[in-house]
Amino acid sequence: MTDIRARLSHCGVSAQKVRLVIDTVRGKSAVDALDMLKFTQKAAASHVRKLLASAIANAEENFGVSRDDLVIYRITADEAPTRKWRRFGARGRFKPIQRRASHITIVLREGSK
């Protein structure tokens, strides 16, 4: 069985927020997941939707698999390096700011759901 992979590195949304979105589509068929993500009101949904569309295109172009046969086998969101800097505050203090990012990985398999 062939795994079709797509990976998005350094996504500008934190892994915690992406996991809220990917938990809704885990285990679903790829076409149904695309429809669900289209109407999800989260910022991470657009990133996950574009990545899923890329994985489906990889399957059709490189492996010759129909999009109706694809199922989301595994989808994960891992933490990427955090950008850290500081904003200066009153009385010589500074406020640390952390900009979190994530790596999203989708693995599709051929099967019926």
PDB file of N, CA and C in Angstrom:
ATOM      1  N   MET A   1       0.845  -1.177   0.000  1.00  0.00           N
ATOM      2  CA  MET A   1       0.000   0.000   0.000  1.00  0.00           C
ATOM      3  C   MET A   1       0.887   1.235   0.000  1.00  0.00           C
ATOM      4  N   THR A   2       0.593   2.164  -0.875  1.00  0.00           N
ATOM      5  CA  THR A   2       1.421   3.345  -1.046  1.00  0.00           C
ATOM      6  C   THR A   2       0.897   4.497  -0.192  1.00  0.00           C
ATOM      7  N   ASP A   3       1.830   5.155   0.489  1.00  0.00           N
ATOM      8  CA  ASP A   3       1.493   6.351   1.249  1.00  0.00           C
ATOM      9  C   ASP A   3       1.754   7.569   0.390  1.00  0.00           C
ATOM     10  N   ILE A   4       0.772   8.443   0.296  1.00  0.00           N
ATOM     11  CA  ILE A   4       0.925   9.717  -0.412  1.00  0.00           C
ATOM     12  C   ILE A   4       1.107  10.790   0.643  1.00  0.00           C
ATOM     13  N   ARG A   5       2.234  11.497   0.587  1.00  0.00           N
ATOM     14  CA  ARG A   5       2.572  12.456   1.632  1.00  0.00           C
ATOM     15  C   ARG A   5       2.590  13.879   1.103  1.00  0.00           C
ATOM     16  N   ALA A   6       2.262  14.800   1.993  1.00  0.00           N
ATOM     17  CA  ALA A   6       2.438  16.231   1.736  1.00  0.00           C
ATOM     18  C   ALA A   6       2.788  16.871   3.076  1.00  0.00           C
ATOM     19  N   ARG A   7       3.710  17.827   3.034  1.00  0.00           N
ATOM     20  CA  ARG A   7       4.186  18.432   4.275  1.00  0.00           C
ATOM     21  C   ARG A   7       4.297  19.941   4.113  1.00  0.00           C
ATOM     22  N   LEU A   8       3.821  20.657   5.118  1.00  0.00           N
ATOM     23  CA  LEU A   8       3.934  22.110   5.166  1.00  0.00           C
ATOM     24  C   LEU A   8       4.818  22.461   6.349  1.00  0.00           C
ATOM     25  N   SER A   9       5.949  23.092   6.081  1.00  0.00           N
ATOM     26  CA  SER A   9       6.879  23.466   7.144  1.00  0.00           C
ATOM     27  C   SER A   9       6.732  24.942   7.473  1.00  0.00           C
ATOM     28  N   HIS A  10       6.929  25.261   8.727  1.00  0.00           N
ATOM     29  CA  HIS A  10       6.929  26.632   9.232  1.00  0.00           C
ATOM     30  C   HIS A  10       5.623  27.357   8.923  1.00  0.00           C
ATOM     31  N   CYS A  11       4.515  26.686   9.173  1.00  0.00           N
ATOM     32  CA  CYS A  11       3.202  27.317   9.038  1.00  0.00           C
ATOM     33  C   CYS A  11       3.068  28.372  10.138  1.00  0.00           C
ATOM     34  N   GLY A  12       2.493  29.501   9.818  1.00  0.00           N
ATOM     35  CA  GLY A  12       2.449  30.615  10.744  1.00  0.00           C
ATOM     36  C   GLY A  12       1.404  30.525  11.839  1.00  0.00           C
ATOM     37  N   VAL A  13       0.810  29.360  12.031  1.00  0.00           N
ATOM     38  CA  VAL A  13      -0.195  29.150  13.071  1.00  0.00           C
ATOM     39  C   VAL A  13       0.380  28.154  14.068  1.00  0.00           C
ATOM     40  N   SER A  14       0.106  28.342  15.350  1.00  0.00           N
ATOM     41  CA  SER A  14       0.671  27.452  16.357  1.00  0.00           C
ATOM     42  C   SER A  14       0.098  26.038  16.219  1.00  0.00           C
ATOM     43  N   ALA A  15       0.872  25.067  16.652  1.00  0.00           N
ATOM     44  CA  ALA A  15       0.475  23.659  16.531  1.00  0.00           C
ATOM     45  C   ALA A  15      -0.793  23.368  17.335  1.00  0.00           C
ATOM     46  N   GLN A  16      -0.955  24.032  18.453  1.00  0.00           N
ATOM     47  CA  GLN A  16      -2.139  23.833  19.287  1.00  0.00           C
ATOM     48  C   GLN A  16      -3.413  24.241  18.540  1.00  0.00           C
ATOM     49  N   LYS A  17      -3.355  25.327  17.798  1.00  0.00           N
ATOM     50  CA  LYS A  17      -4.522  25.792  17.046  1.00  0.00           C
ATOM     51  C   LYS A  17      -4.761  24.931  15.809  1.00  0.00           C
ATOM     52  N   VAL A  18      -3.694  24.431  15.198  1.00  0.00           N
ATOM     53  CA  VAL A  18      -3.849  23.563  14.024  1.00  0.00           C
ATOM     54  C   VAL A  18      -4.474  22.236  14.433  1.00  0.00           C
ATOM     55  N   ARG A  19      -4.111  21.725  15.606  1.00  0.00           N
ATOM     56  CA  ARG A  19      -4.651  20.434  16.063  1.00  0.00           C
ATOM     57  C   ARG A  19      -6.159  20.482  16.249  1.00  0.00           C
ATOM     58  N   LEU A  20      -6.698  21.648  16.602  1.00  0.00           N
ATOM     59  CA  LEU A  20      -8.156  21.772  16.717  1.00  0.00           C
ATOM     60  C   LEU A  20      -8.830  21.519  15.376  1.00  0.00           C
ATOM     61  N   VAL A  21      -8.186  21.941  14.298  1.00  0.00           N
ATOM     62  CA  VAL A  21      -8.750  21.775  12.955  1.00  0.00           C
ATOM     63  C   VAL A  21      -8.544  20.360  12.444  1.00  0.00           C
ATOM     64  N   ILE A  22      -7.338  19.810  12.607  1.00  0.00           N
ATOM     65  CA  ILE A  22      -7.053  18.501  12.019  1.00  0.00           C
ATOM     66  C   ILE A  22      -7.778  17.373  12.746  1.00  0.00           C
ATOM     67  N   ASP A  23      -8.163  17.593  13.989  1.00  0.00           N
ATOM     68  CA  ASP A  23      -8.929  16.565  14.694  1.00  0.00           C
ATOM     69  C   ASP A  23     -10.310  16.366  14.078  1.00  0.00           C
ATOM     70  N   THR A  24     -10.835  17.383  13.407  1.00  0.00           N
ATOM     71  CA  THR A  24     -12.166  17.260  12.805  1.00  0.00           C
ATOM     72  C   THR A  24     -12.145  16.451  11.517  1.00  0.00           C
ATOM     73  N   VAL A  25     -10.989  16.377  10.834  1.00  0.00           N
ATOM     74  CA  VAL A  25     -10.936  15.686   9.540  1.00  0.00           C
ATOM     75  C   VAL A  25     -10.165  14.377   9.588  1.00  0.00           C
ATOM     76  N   ARG A  26      -9.591  14.027  10.709  1.00  0.00           N
ATOM     77  CA  ARG A  26      -8.788  12.798  10.810  1.00  0.00           C
ATOM     78  C   ARG A  26      -9.653  11.571  10.539  1.00  0.00           C
ATOM     79  N   GLY A  27      -9.198  10.716   9.606  1.00  0.00           N
ATOM     80  CA  GLY A  27      -9.900   9.478   9.291  1.00  0.00           C
ATOM     81  C   GLY A  27     -10.991   9.613   8.246  1.00  0.00           C
ATOM     82  N   LYS A  28     -11.285  10.805   7.800  1.00  0.00           N
ATOM     83  CA  LYS A  28     -12.345  11.024   6.812  1.00  0.00           C
ATOM     84  C   LYS A  28     -11.801  10.804   5.402  1.00  0.00           C
ATOM     85  N   SER A  29     -12.706  10.700   4.448  1.00  0.00           N
ATOM     86  CA  SER A  29     -12.268  10.634   3.059  1.00  0.00           C
ATOM     87  C   SER A  29     -11.752  12.016   2.656  1.00  0.00           C
ATOM     88  N   ALA A  30     -10.858  12.034   1.689  1.00  0.00           N
ATOM     89  CA  ALA A  30     -10.178  13.278   1.325  1.00  0.00           C
ATOM     90  C   ALA A  30     -11.144  14.307   0.748  1.00  0.00           C
ATOM     91  N   VAL A  31     -12.109  13.869  -0.044  1.00  0.00           N
ATOM     92  CA  VAL A  31     -13.056  14.808  -0.655  1.00  0.00           C
ATOM     93  C   VAL A  31     -13.975  15.407   0.408  1.00  0.00           C
ATOM     94  N   ASP A  32     -14.438  14.574   1.355  1.00  0.00           N
ATOM     95  CA  ASP A  32     -15.280  15.085   2.437  1.00  0.00           C
ATOM     96  C   ASP A  32     -14.507  16.063   3.329  1.00  0.00           C
ATOM     97  N   ALA A  33     -13.243  15.764   3.568  1.00  0.00           N
ATOM     98  CA  ALA A  33     -12.423  16.641   4.407  1.00  0.00           C
ATOM     99  C   ALA A  33     -12.225  18.000   3.740  1.00  0.00           C
ATOM    100  N   LEU A  34     -12.039  18.009   2.417  1.00  0.00           N
ATOM    101  CA  LEU A  34     -11.911  19.286   1.696  1.00  0.00           C
ATOM    102  C   LEU A  34     -13.161  20.139   1.871  1.00  0.00           C
ATOM    103  N   ASP A  35     -14.332  19.498   1.772  1.00  0.00           N
ATOM    104  CA  ASP A  35     -15.585  20.237   1.937  1.00  0.00           C
ATOM    105  C   ASP A  35     -15.741  20.769   3.356  1.00  0.00           C
ATOM    106  N   MET A  36     -15.353  19.960   4.348  1.00  0.00           N
ATOM    107  CA  MET A  36     -15.458  20.400   5.737  1.00  0.00           C
ATOM    108  C   MET A  36     -14.541  21.587   6.012  1.00  0.00           C
ATOM    109  N   LEU A  37     -13.319  21.521   5.489  1.00  0.00           N
ATOM    110  CA  LEU A  37     -12.354  22.583   5.748  1.00  0.00           C
ATOM    111  C   LEU A  37     -12.736  23.892   5.059  1.00  0.00           C
ATOM    112  N   LYS A  38     -13.474  23.773   3.959  1.00  0.00           N
ATOM    113  CA  LYS A  38     -13.885  24.969   3.234  1.00  0.00           C
ATOM    114  C   LYS A  38     -14.789  25.859   4.090  1.00  0.00           C
ATOM    115  N   PHE A  39     -15.575  25.248   4.963  1.00  0.00           N
ATOM    116  CA  PHE A  39     -16.527  26.002   5.770  1.00  0.00           C
ATOM    117  C   PHE A  39     -16.144  26.098   7.238  1.00  0.00           C
ATOM    118  N   THR A  40     -14.914  25.701   7.588  1.00  0.00           N
ATOM    119  CA  THR A  40     -14.448  25.812   8.963  1.00  0.00           C
ATOM    120  C   THR A  40     -13.957  27.233   9.226  1.00  0.00           C
ATOM    121  N   GLN A  41     -14.424  27.825  10.316  1.00  0.00           N
ATOM    122  CA  GLN A  41     -14.110  29.225  10.623  1.00  0.00           C
ATOM    123  C   GLN A  41     -12.881  29.328  11.532  1.00  0.00           C
ATOM    124  N   LYS A  42     -11.777  28.787  11.098  1.00  0.00           N
ATOM    125  CA  LYS A  42     -10.516  28.891  11.828  1.00  0.00           C
ATOM    126  C   LYS A  42      -9.436  29.314  10.845  1.00  0.00           C
ATOM    127  N   ALA A  43      -8.461  30.057  11.319  1.00  0.00           N
ATOM    128  CA  ALA A  43      -7.386  30.520  10.437  1.00  0.00           C
ATOM    129  C   ALA A  43      -6.550  29.356   9.930  1.00  0.00           C
ATOM    130  N   ALA A  44      -6.386  28.318  10.744  1.00  0.00           N
ATOM    131  CA  ALA A  44      -5.566  27.174  10.341  1.00  0.00           C
ATOM    132  C   ALA A  44      -6.243  26.336   9.267  1.00  0.00           C
ATOM    133  N   ALA A  45      -7.549  26.463   9.106  1.00  0.00           N
ATOM    134  CA  ALA A  45      -8.280  25.624   8.151  1.00  0.00           C
ATOM    135  C   ALA A  45      -7.839  25.882   6.717  1.00  0.00           C
ATOM    136  N   SER A  46      -7.514  27.126   6.388  1.00  0.00           N
ATOM    137  CA  SER A  46      -7.087  27.414   5.019  1.00  0.00           C
ATOM    138  C   SER A  46      -5.732  26.788   4.725  1.00  0.00           C
ATOM    139  N   HIS A  47      -4.824  26.780   5.705  1.00  0.00           N
ATOM    140  CA  HIS A  47      -3.520  26.149   5.515  1.00  0.00           C
ATOM    141  C   HIS A  47      -3.672  24.636   5.326  1.00  0.00           C
ATOM    142  N   VAL A  48      -4.500  24.022   6.163  1.00  0.00           N
ATOM    143  CA  VAL A  48      -4.698  22.573   6.086  1.00  0.00           C
ATOM    144  C   VAL A  48      -5.406  22.203   4.788  1.00  0.00           C
ATOM    145  N   ARG A  49      -6.342  23.033   4.359  1.00  0.00           N
ATOM    146  CA  ARG A  49      -7.081  22.760   3.119  1.00  0.00           C
ATOM    147  C   ARG A  49      -6.153  22.806   1.900  1.00  0.00           C
ATOM    148  N   LYS A  50      -5.282  23.803   1.837  1.00  0.00           N
ATOM    149  CA  LYS A  50      -4.343  23.891   0.723  1.00  0.00           C
ATOM    150  C   LYS A  50      -3.377  22.710   0.722  1.00  0.00           C
ATOM    151  N   LEU A  51      -2.946  22.284   1.904  1.00  0.00           N
ATOM    152  CA  LEU A  51      -2.039  21.141   1.991  1.00  0.00           C
ATOM    153  C   LEU A  51      -2.735  19.858   1.574  1.00  0.00           C
ATOM    154  N   LEU A  52      -3.981  19.685   1.972  1.00  0.00           N
ATOM    155  CA  LEU A  52      -4.745  18.503   1.581  1.00  0.00           C
ATOM    156  C   LEU A  52      -4.985  18.486   0.075  1.00  0.00           C
ATOM    157  N   ALA A  53      -5.273  19.643  -0.500  1.00  0.00           N
ATOM    158  CA  ALA A  53      -5.444  19.718  -1.956  1.00  0.00           C
ATOM    159  C   ALA A  53      -4.147  19.358  -2.673  1.00  0.00           C
ATOM    160  N   SER A  54      -3.015  19.751  -2.113  1.00  0.00           N
ATOM    161  CA  SER A  54      -1.722  19.395  -2.689  1.00  0.00           C
ATOM    162  C   SER A  54      -1.471  17.896  -2.605  1.00  0.00           C
ATOM    163  N   ALA A  55      -1.834  17.283  -1.476  1.00  0.00           N
ATOM    164  CA  ALA A  55      -1.657  15.836  -1.324  1.00  0.00           C
ATOM    165  C   ALA A  55      -2.540  15.072  -2.310  1.00  0.00           C
ATOM    166  N   ILE A  56      -3.759  15.557  -2.538  1.00  0.00           N
ATOM    167  CA  ILE A  56      -4.658  14.911  -3.498  1.00  0.00           C
ATOM    168  C   ILE A  56      -4.087  15.038  -4.910  1.00  0.00           C
ATOM    169  N   ALA A  57      -3.545  16.214  -5.230  1.00  0.00           N
ATOM    170  CA  ALA A  57      -2.933  16.410  -6.545  1.00  0.00           C
ATOM    171  C   ALA A  57      -1.713  15.509  -6.719  1.00  0.00           C
ATOM    172  N   ASN A  58      -0.927  15.317  -5.655  1.00  0.00           N
ATOM    173  CA  ASN A  58       0.209  14.396  -5.714  1.00  0.00           C
ATOM    174  C   ASN A  58      -0.265  12.978  -6.022  1.00  0.00           C
ATOM    175  N   ALA A  59      -1.347  12.568  -5.390  1.00  0.00           N
ATOM    176  CA  ALA A  59      -1.864  11.211  -5.595  1.00  0.00           C
ATOM    177  C   ALA A  59      -2.345  11.012  -7.019  1.00  0.00           C
ATOM    178  N   GLU A  60      -3.046  12.005  -7.545  1.00  0.00           N
ATOM    179  CA  GLU A  60      -3.580  11.877  -8.906  1.00  0.00           C
ATOM    180  C   GLU A  60      -2.470  11.927  -9.951  1.00  0.00           C
ATOM    181  N   GLU A  61      -1.522  12.828  -9.771  1.00  0.00           N
ATOM    182  CA  GLU A  61      -0.501  13.044 -10.788  1.00  0.00           C
ATOM    183  C   GLU A  61       0.609  11.996 -10.738  1.00  0.00           C
ATOM    184  N   ASN A  62       1.096  11.702  -9.535  1.00  0.00           N
ATOM    185  CA  ASN A  62       2.266  10.831  -9.412  1.00  0.00           C
ATOM    186  C   ASN A  62       1.926   9.355  -9.270  1.00  0.00           C
ATOM    187  N   PHE A  63       0.767   9.052  -8.688  1.00  0.00           N
ATOM    188  CA  PHE A  63       0.431   7.657  -8.418  1.00  0.00           C
ATOM    189  C   PHE A  63      -0.776   7.165  -9.212  1.00  0.00           C
ATOM    190  N   GLY A  64      -1.490   8.068  -9.878  1.00  0.00           N
ATOM    191  CA  GLY A  64      -2.637   7.667 -10.678  1.00  0.00           C
ATOM    192  C   GLY A  64      -3.822   7.174  -9.873  1.00  0.00           C
ATOM    193  N   VAL A  65      -3.984   7.680  -8.676  1.00  0.00           N
ATOM    194  CA  VAL A  65      -5.073   7.262  -7.793  1.00  0.00           C
ATOM    195  C   VAL A  65      -6.220   8.264  -7.919  1.00  0.00           C
ATOM    196  N   SER A  66      -7.440   7.761  -7.962  1.00  0.00           N
ATOM    197  CA  SER A  66      -8.601   8.639  -8.038  1.00  0.00           C
ATOM    198  C   SER A  66      -8.822   9.334  -6.694  1.00  0.00           C
ATOM    199  N   ARG A  67      -9.249  10.589  -6.749  1.00  0.00           N
ATOM    200  CA  ARG A  67      -9.457  11.342  -5.509  1.00  0.00           C
ATOM    201  C   ARG A  67     -10.597  10.791  -4.669  1.00  0.00           C
ATOM    202  N   ASP A  68     -11.531  10.060  -5.281  1.00  0.00           N
ATOM    203  CA  ASP A  68     -12.659   9.501  -4.534  1.00  0.00           C
ATOM    204  C   ASP A  68     -12.247   8.311  -3.677  1.00  0.00           C
ATOM    205  N   ASP A  69     -11.098   7.711  -3.970  1.00  0.00           N
ATOM    206  CA  ASP A  69     -10.643   6.528  -3.231  1.00  0.00           C
ATOM    207  C   ASP A  69      -9.720   6.872  -2.071  1.00  0.00           C
ATOM    208  N   LEU A  70      -9.355   8.141  -1.907  1.00  0.00           N
ATOM    209  CA  LEU A  70      -8.357   8.522  -0.916  1.00  0.00           C
ATOM    210  C   LEU A  70      -8.972   8.767   0.456  1.00  0.00           C
ATOM    211  N   VAL A  71      -8.248   8.324   1.486  1.00  0.00           N
ATOM    212  CA  VAL A  71      -8.648   8.502   2.883  1.00  0.00           C
ATOM    213  C   VAL A  71      -7.471   9.118   3.622  1.00  0.00           C
ATOM    214  N   ILE A  72      -7.757  10.011   4.563  1.00  0.00           N
ATOM    215  CA  ILE A  72      -6.688  10.591   5.387  1.00  0.00           C
ATOM    216  C   ILE A  72      -6.258   9.529   6.387  1.00  0.00           C
ATOM    217  N   TYR A  73      -5.073   8.965   6.153  1.00  0.00           N
ATOM    218  CA  TYR A  73      -4.559   7.894   7.002  1.00  0.00           C
ATOM    219  C   TYR A  73      -3.931   8.461   8.268  1.00  0.00           C
ATOM    220  N   ARG A  74      -3.120   9.505   8.095  1.00  0.00           N
ATOM    221  CA  ARG A  74      -2.485  10.131   9.255  1.00  0.00           C
ATOM    222  C   ARG A  74      -2.324  11.616   8.971  1.00  0.00           C
ATOM    223  N   ILE A  75      -2.589  12.430   9.985  1.00  0.00           N
ATOM    224  CA  ILE A  75      -2.404  13.878   9.870  1.00  0.00           C
ATOM    225  C   ILE A  75      -1.913  14.379  11.223  1.00  0.00           C
ATOM    226  N   THR A  76      -0.788  15.099  11.197  1.00  0.00           N
ATOM    227  CA  THR A  76      -0.178  15.556  12.444  1.00  0.00           C
ATOM    228  C   THR A  76       0.222  17.013  12.331  1.00  0.00           C
ATOM    229  N   ALA A  77       0.313  17.662  13.477  1.00  0.00           N
ATOM    230  CA  ALA A  77       0.820  19.033  13.569  1.00  0.00           C
ATOM    231  C   ALA A  77       1.863  19.062  14.672  1.00  0.00           C
ATOM    232  N   ASP A  78       3.112  19.294  14.297  1.00  0.00           N
ATOM    233  CA  ASP A  78       4.218  19.348  15.248  1.00  0.00           C
ATOM    234  C   ASP A  78       4.696  20.786  15.393  1.00  0.00           C
ATOM    235  N   GLU A  79       5.370  21.050  16.509  1.00  0.00           N
ATOM    236  CA  GLU A  79       5.853  22.401  16.749  1.00  0.00           C
ATOM    237  C   GLU A  79       7.075  22.698  15.891  1.00  0.00           C
ATOM    238  N   ALA A  80       7.101  23.885  15.336  1.00  0.00           N
ATOM    239  CA  ALA A  80       8.254  24.383  14.591  1.00  0.00           C
ATOM    240  C   ALA A  80       9.052  25.294  15.531  1.00  0.00           C
ATOM    241  N   PRO A  81      10.231  25.727  15.124  1.00  0.00           N
ATOM    242  CA  PRO A  81      10.982  26.659  15.983  1.00  0.00           C
ATOM    243  C   PRO A  81      10.191  27.939  16.261  1.00  0.00           C
ATOM    244  N   THR A  82      10.267  28.392  17.498  1.00  0.00           N
ATOM    245  CA  THR A  82       9.548  29.578  17.926  1.00  0.00           C
ATOM    246  C   THR A  82      10.436  30.807  17.737  1.00  0.00           C
ATOM    247  N   ARG A  83       9.890  31.827  17.065  1.00  0.00           N
ATOM    248  CA  ARG A  83      10.624  33.088  16.937  1.00  0.00           C
ATOM    249  C   ARG A  83      10.408  33.895  18.207  1.00  0.00           C
ATOM    250  N   LYS A  84      11.496  34.332  18.804  1.00  0.00           N
ATOM    251  CA  LYS A  84      11.397  35.068  20.059  1.00  0.00           C
ATOM    252  C   LYS A  84      12.026  36.444  19.889  1.00  0.00           C
ATOM    253  N   TRP A  85      11.337  37.458  20.380  1.00  0.00           N
ATOM    254  CA  TRP A  85      11.910  38.788  20.447  1.00  0.00           C
ATOM    255  C   TRP A  85      11.252  39.515  21.596  1.00  0.00           C
ATOM    256  N   ARG A  86      11.618  40.772  21.794  1.00  0.00           N
ATOM    257  CA  ARG A  86      11.091  41.487  22.959  1.00  0.00           C
ATOM    258  C   ARG A  86      10.583  42.860  22.565  1.00  0.00           C
ATOM    259  N   ARG A  87       9.609  43.300  23.292  1.00  0.00           N
ATOM    260  CA  ARG A  87       9.073  44.645  23.142  1.00  0.00           C
ATOM    261  C   ARG A  87       9.362  45.370  24.457  1.00  0.00           C
ATOM    262  N   PHE A  88       9.900  46.550  24.342  1.00  0.00           N
ATOM    263  CA  PHE A  88      10.310  47.264  25.544  1.00  0.00           C
ATOM    264  C   PHE A  88       9.112  47.915  26.219  1.00  0.00           C
ATOM    265  N   GLY A  89       9.086  47.830  27.525  1.00  0.00           N
ATOM    266  CA  GLY A  89       7.976  48.362  28.302  1.00  0.00           C
ATOM    267  C   GLY A  89       8.431  49.505  29.199  1.00  0.00           C
ATOM    268  N   ALA A  90       7.574  49.848  30.106  1.00  0.00           N
ATOM    269  CA  ALA A  90       7.839  50.970  31.004  1.00  0.00           C
ATOM    270  C   ALA A  90       8.907  50.606  32.034  1.00  0.00           C
ATOM    271  N   ARG A  91       9.592  51.613  32.514  1.00  0.00           N
ATOM    272  CA  ARG A  91      10.581  51.512  33.601  1.00  0.00           C
ATOM    273  C   ARG A  91      11.694  50.512  33.293  1.00  0.00           C
ATOM    274  N   GLY A  92      12.143  50.485  32.041  1.00  0.00           N
ATOM    275  CA  GLY A  92      13.294  49.673  31.677  1.00  0.00           C
ATOM    276  C   GLY A  92      13.022  48.189  31.535  1.00  0.00           C
ATOM    277  N   ARG A  93      11.790  47.799  31.590  1.00  0.00           N
ATOM    278  CA  ARG A  93      11.455  46.386  31.456  1.00  0.00           C
ATOM    279  C   ARG A  93      11.245  46.043  29.987  1.00  0.00           C
ATOM    280  N   PHE A  94      11.182  44.736  29.703  1.00  0.00           N
ATOM    281  CA  PHE A  94      10.772  44.335  28.360  1.00  0.00           C
ATOM    282  C   PHE A  94       9.817  43.170  28.451  1.00  0.00           C
ATOM    283  N   LYS A  95       8.953  43.093  27.454  1.00  0.00           N
ATOM    284  CA  LYS A  95       7.921  42.072  27.401  1.00  0.00           C
ATOM    285  C   LYS A  95       8.321  41.046  26.342  1.00  0.00           C
ATOM    286  N   PRO A  96       8.553  39.808  26.717  1.00  0.00           N
ATOM    287  CA  PRO A  96       8.920  38.804  25.709  1.00  0.00           C
ATOM    288  C   PRO A  96       7.721  38.441  24.828  1.00  0.00           C
ATOM    289  N   ILE A  97       7.995  38.282  23.539  1.00  0.00           N
ATOM    290  CA  ILE A  97       6.962  37.896  22.578  1.00  0.00           C
ATOM    291  C   ILE A  97       7.428  36.631  21.891  1.00  0.00           C
ATOM    292  N   GLN A  98       6.547  35.637  21.807  1.00  0.00           N
ATOM    293  CA  GLN A  98       6.867  34.375  21.146  1.00  0.00           C
ATOM    294  C   GLN A  98       5.906  34.175  19.990  1.00  0.00           C
ATOM    295  N   ARG A  99       6.456  34.025  18.792  1.00  0.00           N
ATOM    296  CA  ARG A  99       5.641  33.762  17.610  1.00  0.00           C
ATOM    297  C   ARG A  99       5.798  32.289  17.279  1.00  0.00           C
ATOM    298  N   ARG A 100       4.770  31.529  17.555  1.00  0.00           N
ATOM    299  CA  ARG A 100       4.856  30.079  17.379  1.00  0.00           C
ATOM    300  C   ARG A 100       4.476  29.680  15.957  1.00  0.00           C
ATOM    301  N   ALA A 101       5.054  28.589  15.492  1.00  0.00           N
ATOM    302  CA  ALA A 101       4.781  28.066  14.161  1.00  0.00           C
ATOM    303  C   ALA A 101       4.619  26.551  14.272  1.00  0.00           C
ATOM    304  N   SER A 102       4.260  25.910  13.161  1.00  0.00           N
ATOM    305  CA  SER A 102       4.034  24.466  13.195  1.00  0.00           C
ATOM    306  C   SER A 102       4.422  23.826  11.872  1.00  0.00           C
ATOM    307  N   HIS A 103       4.654  22.518  11.929  1.00  0.00           N
ATOM    308  CA  HIS A 103       4.870  21.693  10.748  1.00  0.00           C
ATOM    309  C   HIS A 103       3.655  20.768  10.631  1.00  0.00           C
ATOM    310  N   ILE A 104       2.993  20.767   9.479  1.00  0.00           N
ATOM    311  CA  ILE A 104       1.809  19.927   9.276  1.00  0.00           C
ATOM    312  C   ILE A 104       2.156  18.848   8.264  1.00  0.00           C
ATOM    313  N   THR A 105       1.807  17.603   8.571  1.00  0.00           N
ATOM    314  CA  THR A 105       2.073  16.476   7.689  1.00  0.00           C
ATOM    315  C   THR A 105       0.776  15.722   7.438  1.00  0.00           C
ATOM    316  N   ILE A 106       0.496  15.420   6.171  1.00  0.00           N
ATOM    317  CA  ILE A 106      -0.677  14.639   5.802  1.00  0.00           C
ATOM    318  C   ILE A 106      -0.212  13.389   5.059  1.00  0.00           C
ATOM    319  N   VAL A 107      -0.756  12.237   5.447  1.00  0.00           N
ATOM    320  CA  VAL A 107      -0.496  10.978   4.754  1.00  0.00           C
ATOM    321  C   VAL A 107      -1.830  10.428   4.282  1.00  0.00           C
ATOM    322  N   LEU A 108      -1.961  10.237   2.982  1.00  0.00           N
ATOM    323  CA  LEU A 108      -3.185   9.680   2.401  1.00  0.00           C
ATOM    324  C   LEU A 108      -2.931   8.242   1.966  1.00  0.00           C
ATOM    325  N   ARG A 109      -3.978   7.430   2.046  1.00  0.00           N
ATOM    326  CA  ARG A 109      -3.919   6.058   1.549  1.00  0.00           C
ATOM    327  C   ARG A 109      -5.146   5.768   0.726  1.00  0.00           C
ATOM    328  N   GLU A 110      -4.978   4.788  -0.138  1.00  0.00           N
ATOM    329  CA  GLU A 110      -6.106   4.367  -0.971  1.00  0.00           C
ATOM    330  C   GLU A 110      -6.944   3.399  -0.159  1.00  0.00           C
ATOM    331  N   GLY A 111      -8.228   3.637  -0.099  1.00  0.00           N
ATOM    332  CA  GLY A 111      -9.115   2.777   0.668  1.00  0.00           C
ATOM    333  C   GLY A 111     -10.501   3.358   0.684  1.00  0.00           C
ATOM    334  N   SER A 112     -11.438   2.606   1.202  1.00  0.00           N
ATOM    335  CA  SER A 112     -12.812   3.099   1.271  1.00  0.00           C
ATOM    336  C   SER A 112     -13.148   3.393   2.726  1.00  0.00           C
ATOM    337  N   LYS A 113     -13.880   4.462   2.929  1.00  0.00           N
ATOM    338  CA  LYS A 113     -14.268   4.862   4.287  1.00  0.00           C
ATOM    339  C   LYS A 113     -15.766   4.811   4.410  1.00  0.00           C
TER     340      LYS A 113
END
